[in-house]
PDB file of all heavy atoms in Angstrom:
ATOM      1  N   ALA A   1       3.710  12.907  -1.187  1.00  0.00           N
ATOM      2  CA  ALA A   1       2.730  13.967  -1.053  1.00  0.00           C
ATOM      3  C   ALA A   1       1.354  13.438  -0.646  1.00  0.00           C
ATOM      4  O   ALA A   1       0.676  13.977   0.224  1.00  0.00           O
ATOM      5  CB  ALA A   1       2.650  14.766  -2.329  1.00  0.00           C
ATOM      6  N   ALA A   2       0.965  12.308  -1.280  1.00  0.00           N
ATOM      7  CA  ALA A   2      -0.324  11.721  -0.962  1.00  0.00           C
ATOM      8  C   ALA A   2      -0.332  11.212   0.483  1.00  0.00           C
ATOM      9  O   ALA A   2      -1.340  11.387   1.205  1.00  0.00           O
ATOM     10  CB  ALA A   2      -0.640  10.585  -1.938  1.00  0.00           C
ATOM     11  N   ARG A   3       0.743  10.596   0.923  1.00  0.00           N
ATOM     12  CA  ARG A   3       0.857  10.130   2.287  1.00  0.00           C
ATOM     13  C   ARG A   3       0.713  11.273   3.271  1.00  0.00           C
ATOM     14  O   ARG A   3      -0.020  11.195   4.267  1.00  0.00           O
ATOM     15  CB  ARG A   3       2.191   9.408   2.507  1.00  0.00           C
ATOM     16  CG  ARG A   3       2.318   8.079   1.836  1.00  0.00           C
ATOM     17  CD  ARG A   3       3.763   7.548   1.862  1.00  0.00           C
ATOM     18  NE  ARG A   3       3.868   6.335   1.105  1.00  0.00           N
ATOM     19  CZ  ARG A   3       3.816   5.123   1.635  1.00  0.00           C
ATOM     20  NH1 ARG A   3       3.700   4.953   2.934  1.00  0.00           N
ATOM     21  NH2 ARG A   3       3.915   4.065   0.874  1.00  0.00           N
ATOM     22  N   ALA A   4       1.414  12.341   3.018  1.00  0.00           N
ATOM     23  CA  ALA A   4       1.376  13.456   3.934  1.00  0.00           C
ATOM     24  C   ALA A   4      -0.034  14.037   4.025  1.00  0.00           C
ATOM     25  O   ALA A   4      -0.495  14.401   5.123  1.00  0.00           O
ATOM     26  CB  ALA A   4       2.359  14.541   3.459  1.00  0.00           C
ATOM     27  N   ALA A   5      -0.734  14.127   2.881  1.00  0.00           N
ATOM     28  CA  ALA A   5      -2.079  14.689   2.872  1.00  0.00           C
ATOM     29  C   ALA A   5      -3.052  13.787   3.671  1.00  0.00           C
ATOM     30  O   ALA A   5      -3.898  14.255   4.418  1.00  0.00           O
ATOM     31  CB  ALA A   5      -2.563  14.836   1.450  1.00  0.00           C
ATOM     32  N   LEU A   6      -2.892  12.498   3.525  1.00  0.00           N
ATOM     33  CA  LEU A   6      -3.785  11.572   4.240  1.00  0.00           C
ATOM     34  C   LEU A   6      -3.446  11.544   5.736  1.00  0.00           C
ATOM     35  O   LEU A   6      -4.345  11.473   6.601  1.00  0.00           O
ATOM     36  CB  LEU A   6      -3.678  10.171   3.638  1.00  0.00           C
ATOM     37  CG  LEU A   6      -4.224  10.064   2.204  1.00  0.00           C
ATOM     38  CD1 LEU A   6      -3.853   8.699   1.616  1.00  0.00           C
ATOM     39  CD2 LEU A   6      -5.733  10.231   2.202  1.00  0.00           C
ATOM     40  N   GLN A   7      -2.174  11.554   6.067  1.00  0.00           N
ATOM     41  CA  GLN A   7      -1.762  11.593   7.454  1.00  0.00           C
ATOM     42  C   GLN A   7      -2.203  12.863   8.133  1.00  0.00           C
ATOM     43  O   GLN A   7      -2.536  12.874   9.327  1.00  0.00           O
ATOM     44  CB  GLN A   7      -0.261  11.408   7.548  1.00  0.00           C
ATOM     45  CG  GLN A   7       0.188   9.985   7.183  1.00  0.00           C
ATOM     46  CD  GLN A   7       1.675   9.878   6.946  1.00  0.00           C
ATOM     47  OE1 GLN A   7       2.394  10.876   6.796  1.00  0.00           O
ATOM     48  NE2 GLN A   7       2.189   8.647   6.858  1.00  0.00           N
ATOM     49  N   ALA A   8      -2.269  13.969   7.381  1.00  0.00           N
ATOM     50  CA  ALA A   8      -2.733  15.226   7.927  1.00  0.00           C
ATOM     51  C   ALA A   8      -4.225  15.131   8.296  1.00  0.00           C
ATOM     52  O   ALA A   8      -4.716  15.892   9.171  1.00  0.00           O
ATOM     53  CB  ALA A   8      -2.523  16.370   6.938  1.00  0.00           C
ATOM     54  N   GLN A   9      -4.950  14.214   7.653  1.00  0.00           N
ATOM     55  CA  GLN A   9      -6.373  14.004   7.983  1.00  0.00           C
ATOM     56  C   GLN A   9      -6.544  12.968   9.095  1.00  0.00           C
ATOM     57  O   GLN A   9      -7.647  12.637   9.471  1.00  0.00           O
ATOM     58  CB  GLN A   9      -7.094  13.502   6.751  1.00  0.00           C
ATOM     59  CG  GLN A   9      -7.171  14.536   5.616  1.00  0.00           C
ATOM     60  CD  GLN A   9      -7.867  15.821   6.023  1.00  0.00           C
ATOM     61  OE1 GLN A   9      -8.892  15.777   6.691  1.00  0.00           O
ATOM     62  NE2 GLN A   9      -7.292  16.950   5.654  1.00  0.00           N
ATOM     63  N   GLY A  10      -5.433  12.484   9.650  1.00  0.00           N
ATOM     64  CA  GLY A  10      -5.471  11.541  10.755  1.00  0.00           C
ATOM     65  C   GLY A  10      -5.374  10.087  10.394  1.00  0.00           C
ATOM     66  O   GLY A  10      -5.436   9.209  11.261  1.00  0.00           O
ATOM     67  N   ALA A  11      -5.258   9.777   9.097  1.00  0.00           N
ATOM     68  CA  ALA A  11      -5.180   8.398   8.644  1.00  0.00           C
ATOM     69  C   ALA A  11      -3.774   7.824   8.878  1.00  0.00           C
ATOM     70  O   ALA A  11      -2.767   8.548   8.811  1.00  0.00           O
ATOM     71  CB  ALA A  11      -5.540   8.273   7.182  1.00  0.00           C
ATOM     72  N   GLN A  12      -3.719   6.524   9.159  1.00  0.00           N
ATOM     73  CA  GLN A  12      -2.451   5.838   9.272  1.00  0.00           C
ATOM     74  C   GLN A  12      -2.217   5.045   7.982  1.00  0.00           C
ATOM     75  O   GLN A  12      -3.063   4.226   7.593  1.00  0.00           O
ATOM     76  CB  GLN A  12      -2.411   4.881  10.471  1.00  0.00           C
ATOM     77  CG  GLN A  12      -1.096   4.163  10.642  1.00  0.00           C
ATOM     78  CD  GLN A  12      -1.043   3.281  11.893  1.00  0.00           C
ATOM     79  OE1 GLN A  12      -1.984   3.268  12.687  1.00  0.00           O
ATOM     80  NE2 GLN A  12       0.041   2.529  12.050  1.00  0.00           N
ATOM     81  N   VAL A  13      -1.102   5.317   7.267  1.00  0.00           N
ATOM     82  CA  VAL A  13      -0.796   4.630   6.024  1.00  0.00           C
ATOM     83  C   VAL A  13       0.138   3.468   6.319  1.00  0.00           C
ATOM     84  O   VAL A  13       1.188   3.658   6.949  1.00  0.00           O
ATOM     85  CB  VAL A  13      -0.156   5.582   5.018  1.00  0.00           C
ATOM     86  CG1 VAL A  13       0.212   4.853   3.714  1.00  0.00           C
ATOM     87  CG2 VAL A  13      -1.115   6.748   4.726  1.00  0.00           C
ATOM     88  N   ILE A  14      -0.260   2.267   5.889  1.00  0.00           N
ATOM     89  CA  ILE A  14       0.469   1.038   6.197  1.00  0.00           C
ATOM     90  C   ILE A  14       0.945   0.406   4.893  1.00  0.00           C
ATOM     91  O   ILE A  14       0.151   0.076   4.031  1.00  0.00           O
ATOM     92  CB  ILE A  14      -0.395   0.053   6.983  1.00  0.00           C
ATOM     93  CG1 ILE A  14      -0.936   0.737   8.269  1.00  0.00           C
ATOM     94  CG2 ILE A  14       0.357  -1.221   7.319  1.00  0.00           C
ATOM     95  CD1 ILE A  14      -2.081  -0.029   8.912  1.00  0.00           C
ATOM     96  N   ASP A  15       2.240   0.195   4.732  1.00  0.00           N
ATOM     97  CA  ASP A  15       2.784  -0.438   3.539  1.00  0.00           C
ATOM     98  C   ASP A  15       2.605  -1.936   3.602  1.00  0.00           C
ATOM     99  O   ASP A  15       3.011  -2.594   4.600  1.00  0.00           O
ATOM    100  CB  ASP A  15       4.269  -0.080   3.417  1.00  0.00           C
ATOM    101  CG  ASP A  15       4.478   1.372   3.060  1.00  0.00           C
ATOM    102  OD1 ASP A  15       4.045   1.806   1.990  1.00  0.00           O
ATOM    103  OD2 ASP A  15       5.086   2.102   3.866  1.00  0.00           O
ATOM    104  N   CYS A  16       2.006  -2.509   2.566  1.00  0.00           N
ATOM    105  CA  CYS A  16       1.772  -3.945   2.523  1.00  0.00           C
ATOM    106  C   CYS A  16       1.766  -4.426   1.064  1.00  0.00           C
ATOM    107  O   CYS A  16       0.785  -4.974   0.597  1.00  0.00           O
ATOM    108  CB  CYS A  16       0.422  -4.249   3.201  1.00  0.00           C
ATOM    109  SG  CYS A  16       0.158  -5.989   3.550  1.00  0.00           S
ATOM    110  N   PRO A  17       2.899  -4.230   0.335  1.00  0.00           N
ATOM    111  CA  PRO A  17       2.902  -4.598  -1.078  1.00  0.00           C
ATOM    112  C   PRO A  17       3.058  -6.088  -1.302  1.00  0.00           C
ATOM    113  O   PRO A  17       3.776  -6.774  -0.586  1.00  0.00           O
ATOM    114  CB  PRO A  17       4.131  -3.828  -1.588  1.00  0.00           C
ATOM    115  CG  PRO A  17       5.062  -3.755  -0.402  1.00  0.00           C
ATOM    116  CD  PRO A  17       4.184  -3.631   0.792  1.00  0.00           C
ATOM    117  N   GLY A  18       2.405  -6.566  -2.357  1.00  0.00           N
ATOM    118  CA  GLY A  18       2.602  -7.923  -2.807  1.00  0.00           C
ATOM    119  C   GLY A  18       3.578  -7.926  -3.968  1.00  0.00           C
ATOM    120  O   GLY A  18       4.083  -6.894  -4.388  1.00  0.00           O
ATOM    121  N   PRO A  19       3.850  -9.086  -4.541  1.00  0.00           N
ATOM    122  CA  PRO A  19       4.770  -9.136  -5.696  1.00  0.00           C
ATOM    123  C   PRO A  19       4.162  -8.513  -6.939  1.00  0.00           C
ATOM    124  O   PRO A  19       2.955  -8.506  -7.105  1.00  0.00           O
ATOM    125  CB  PRO A  19       4.990 -10.635  -5.881  1.00  0.00           C
ATOM    126  CG  PRO A  19       3.754 -11.285  -5.304  1.00  0.00           C
ATOM    127  CD  PRO A  19       3.365 -10.414  -4.151  1.00  0.00           C
ATOM    128  N   ARG A  20       5.007  -7.982  -7.794  1.00  0.00           N
ATOM    129  CA  ARG A  20       4.534  -7.427  -9.064  1.00  0.00           C
ATOM    130  C   ARG A  20       4.033  -8.564  -9.974  1.00  0.00           C
ATOM    131  O   ARG A  20       4.666  -9.573 -10.089  1.00  0.00           O
ATOM    132  CB  ARG A  20       5.651  -6.656  -9.749  1.00  0.00           C
ATOM    133  CG  ARG A  20       6.063  -5.387  -9.010  1.00  0.00           C
ATOM    134  CD  ARG A  20       7.155  -4.672  -9.758  1.00  0.00           C
ATOM    135  NE  ARG A  20       7.625  -3.481  -9.034  1.00  0.00           N
ATOM    136  CZ  ARG A  20       7.058  -2.289  -9.114  1.00  0.00           C
ATOM    137  NH1 ARG A  20       6.025  -2.117  -9.903  1.00  0.00           N
ATOM    138  NH2 ARG A  20       7.541  -1.294  -8.416  1.00  0.00           N
ATOM    139  N   LYS A  21       2.886  -8.335 -10.586  1.00  0.00           N
ATOM    140  CA  LYS A  21       2.293  -9.345 -11.463  1.00  0.00           C
ATOM    141  C   LYS A  21       3.028  -9.468 -12.780  1.00  0.00           C
ATOM    142  O   LYS A  21       3.110 -10.517 -13.380  1.00  0.00           O
ATOM    143  CB  LYS A  21       0.810  -9.033 -11.704  1.00  0.00           C
ATOM    144  CG  LYS A  21      -0.054  -9.063 -10.430  1.00  0.00           C
ATOM    145  CD  LYS A  21      -0.207 -10.452  -9.895  1.00  0.00           C
ATOM    146  CE  LYS A  21      -1.158 -10.485  -8.726  1.00  0.00           C
ATOM    147  NZ  LYS A  21      -1.339 -11.819  -8.141  1.00  0.00           N
ATOM    148  N   ALA A  22       3.549  -8.324 -13.252  1.00  0.00           N
ATOM    149  CA  ALA A  22       4.246  -8.329 -14.561  1.00  0.00           C
ATOM    150  C   ALA A  22       5.289  -7.215 -14.541  1.00  0.00           C
ATOM    151  O   ALA A  22       5.258  -6.315 -13.722  1.00  0.00           O
ATOM    152  CB  ALA A  22       3.252  -8.106 -15.705  1.00  0.00           C
ATOM    153  N   ALA A  23       6.225  -7.324 -15.454  1.00  0.00           N
ATOM    154  CA  ALA A  23       7.277  -6.324 -15.528  1.00  0.00           C
ATOM    155  C   ALA A  23       6.662  -4.941 -15.770  1.00  0.00           C
ATOM    156  O   ALA A  23       5.853  -4.761 -16.674  1.00  0.00           O
ATOM    157  CB  ALA A  23       8.219  -6.679 -16.665  1.00  0.00           C
ATOM    158  N   GLY A  24       7.031  -4.021 -14.917  1.00  0.00           N
ATOM    159  CA  GLY A  24       6.512  -2.668 -15.033  1.00  0.00           C
ATOM    160  C   GLY A  24       5.160  -2.448 -14.434  1.00  0.00           C
ATOM    161  O   GLY A  24       4.657  -1.322 -14.372  1.00  0.00           O
ATOM    162  N   GLY A  25       4.515  -3.524 -13.995  1.00  0.00           N
ATOM    163  CA  GLY A  25       3.177  -3.394 -13.398  1.00  0.00           C
ATOM    164  C   GLY A  25       3.235  -2.912 -11.977  1.00  0.00           C
ATOM    165  O   GLY A  25       4.250  -3.063 -11.279  1.00  0.00           O
ATOM    166  N   SER A  26       2.135  -2.336 -11.526  1.00  0.00           N
ATOM    167  CA  SER A  26       2.080  -1.829 -10.152  1.00  0.00           C
ATOM    168  C   SER A  26       1.710  -2.978  -9.239  1.00  0.00           C
ATOM    169  O   SER A  26       0.816  -3.747  -9.541  1.00  0.00           O
ATOM    170  CB  SER A  26       1.032  -0.692 -10.061  1.00  0.00           C
ATOM    171  OG  SER A  26       1.384   0.382 -10.897  1.00  0.00           O
ATOM    172  N   PRO A  27       2.376  -3.081  -8.093  1.00  0.00           N
ATOM    173  CA  PRO A  27       2.020  -4.143  -7.129  1.00  0.00           C
ATOM    174  C   PRO A  27       0.672  -3.848  -6.471  1.00  0.00           C
ATOM    175  O   PRO A  27       0.262  -2.693  -6.386  1.00  0.00           O
ATOM    176  CB  PRO A  27       3.188  -4.101  -6.129  1.00  0.00           C
ATOM    177  CG  PRO A  27       3.656  -2.696  -6.183  1.00  0.00           C
ATOM    178  CD  PRO A  27       3.494  -2.246  -7.599  1.00  0.00           C
ATOM    179  N   LYS A  28       0.025  -4.894  -6.049  1.00  0.00           N
ATOM    180  CA  LYS A  28      -1.226  -4.769  -5.303  1.00  0.00           C
ATOM    181  C   LYS A  28      -0.943  -5.015  -3.814  1.00  0.00           C
ATOM    182  O   LYS A  28       0.077  -5.586  -3.459  1.00  0.00           O
ATOM    183  CB  LYS A  28      -2.243  -5.809  -5.810  1.00  0.00           C
ATOM    184  CG  LYS A  28      -2.622  -5.662  -7.275  1.00  0.00           C
ATOM    185  CD  LYS A  28      -3.500  -4.463  -7.490  1.00  0.00           C
ATOM    186  CE  LYS A  28      -4.047  -4.425  -8.905  1.00  0.00           C
ATOM    187  NZ  LYS A  28      -4.933  -3.265  -9.142  1.00  0.00           N
ATOM    188  N   VAL A  29      -1.858  -4.589  -2.988  1.00  0.00           N
ATOM    189  CA  VAL A  29      -1.755  -4.910  -1.567  1.00  0.00           C
ATOM    190  C   VAL A  29      -1.808  -6.432  -1.395  1.00  0.00           C
ATOM    191  O   VAL A  29      -2.657  -7.104  -2.012  1.00  0.00           O
ATOM    192  CB  VAL A  29      -2.906  -4.240  -0.789  1.00  0.00           C
ATOM    193  CG1 VAL A  29      -2.980  -4.785   0.656  1.00  0.00           C
ATOM    194  CG2 VAL A  29      -2.720  -2.737  -0.766  1.00  0.00           C
ATOM    195  N   ASP A  30      -0.918  -6.939  -0.595  1.00  0.00           N
ATOM    196  CA  ASP A  30      -0.916  -8.371  -0.273  1.00  0.00           C
ATOM    197  C   ASP A  30      -2.024  -8.613   0.759  1.00  0.00           C
ATOM    198  O   ASP A  30      -1.867  -8.287   1.935  1.00  0.00           O
ATOM    199  CB  ASP A  30       0.457  -8.773   0.312  1.00  0.00           C
ATOM    200  CG  ASP A  30       0.592 -10.258   0.544  1.00  0.00           C
ATOM    201  OD1 ASP A  30      -0.406 -10.906   0.887  1.00  0.00           O
ATOM    202  OD2 ASP A  30       1.721 -10.774   0.432  1.00  0.00           O
ATOM    203  N   LEU A  31      -3.161  -9.168   0.312  1.00  0.00           N
ATOM    204  CA  LEU A  31      -4.317  -9.277   1.170  1.00  0.00           C
ATOM    205  C   LEU A  31      -4.092 -10.249   2.336  1.00  0.00           C
ATOM    206  O   LEU A  31      -4.557  -9.970   3.486  1.00  0.00           O
ATOM    207  CB  LEU A  31      -5.535  -9.730   0.360  1.00  0.00           C
ATOM    208  CG  LEU A  31      -5.953  -8.740  -0.756  1.00  0.00           C
ATOM    209  CD1 LEU A  31      -7.115  -9.336  -1.563  1.00  0.00           C
ATOM    210  CD2 LEU A  31      -6.371  -7.398  -0.176  1.00  0.00           C
ATOM    211  N   ALA A  32      -3.385 -11.333   2.090  1.00  0.00           N
ATOM    212  CA  ALA A  32      -3.116 -12.277   3.188  1.00  0.00           C
ATOM    213  C   ALA A  32      -2.218 -11.640   4.241  1.00  0.00           C
ATOM    214  O   ALA A  32      -2.442 -11.781   5.455  1.00  0.00           O
ATOM    215  CB  ALA A  32      -2.475 -13.548   2.644  1.00  0.00           C
ATOM    216  N   ALA A  33      -1.191 -10.905   3.797  1.00  0.00           N
ATOM    217  CA  ALA A  33      -0.294 -10.205   4.750  1.00  0.00           C
ATOM    218  C   ALA A  33      -1.076  -9.119   5.486  1.00  0.00           C
ATOM    219  O   ALA A  33      -0.815  -8.898   6.683  1.00  0.00           O
ATOM    220  CB  ALA A  33       0.886  -9.596   3.999  1.00  0.00           C
ATOM    221  N   MET A  34      -2.014  -8.464   4.827  1.00  0.00           N
ATOM    222  CA  MET A  34      -2.830  -7.460   5.481  1.00  0.00           C
ATOM    223  C   MET A  34      -3.638  -8.089   6.612  1.00  0.00           C
ATOM    224  O   MET A  34      -3.759  -7.530   7.700  1.00  0.00           O
ATOM    225  CB  MET A  34      -3.765  -6.810   4.482  1.00  0.00           C
ATOM    226  CG  MET A  34      -4.690  -5.765   5.093  1.00  0.00           C
ATOM    227  SD  MET A  34      -5.926  -5.169   3.894  1.00  0.00           S
ATOM    228  CE  MET A  34      -6.970  -6.652   3.765  1.00  0.00           C
ATOM    229  N   MET A  35      -4.226  -9.283   6.360  1.00  0.00           N
ATOM    230  CA  MET A  35      -4.983  -9.957   7.387  1.00  0.00           C
ATOM    231  C   MET A  35      -4.122 -10.307   8.578  1.00  0.00           C
ATOM    232  O   MET A  35      -4.546 -10.169   9.747  1.00  0.00           O
ATOM    233  CB  MET A  35      -5.639 -11.219   6.817  1.00  0.00           C
ATOM    234  CG  MET A  35      -6.717 -10.956   5.772  1.00  0.00           C
ATOM    235  SD  MET A  35      -8.119 -10.044   6.453  1.00  0.00           S
ATOM    236  CE  MET A  35      -9.116  -9.874   4.963  1.00  0.00           C
ATOM    237  N   ARG A  36      -2.922 -10.743   8.345  1.00  0.00           N
ATOM    238  CA  ARG A  36      -2.011 -11.077   9.440  1.00  0.00           C
ATOM    239  C   ARG A  36      -1.669  -9.805  10.243  1.00  0.00           C
ATOM    240  O   ARG A  36      -1.593  -9.832  11.468  1.00  0.00           O
ATOM    241  CB  ARG A  36      -0.727 -11.743   8.922  1.00  0.00           C
ATOM    242  CG  ARG A  36      -0.955 -13.105   8.324  1.00  0.00           C
ATOM    243  CD  ARG A  36       0.371 -13.848   8.059  1.00  0.00           C
ATOM    244  NE  ARG A  36       1.170 -13.200   7.056  1.00  0.00           N
ATOM    245  CZ  ARG A  36       1.087 -13.471   5.743  1.00  0.00           C
ATOM    246  NH1 ARG A  36       0.224 -14.365   5.323  1.00  0.00           N
ATOM    247  NH2 ARG A  36       1.883 -12.842   4.878  1.00  0.00           N
TER     248      ARG A  36
END
């Protein structure tokens, strides 16, 4: 739903997850992969 709302505003959503830091934790954007 969030993706659809942002794309409706013209934004491009790019998936770039890094590894999970801990069990059950949310992953962060992989900054090095984002730069590449």
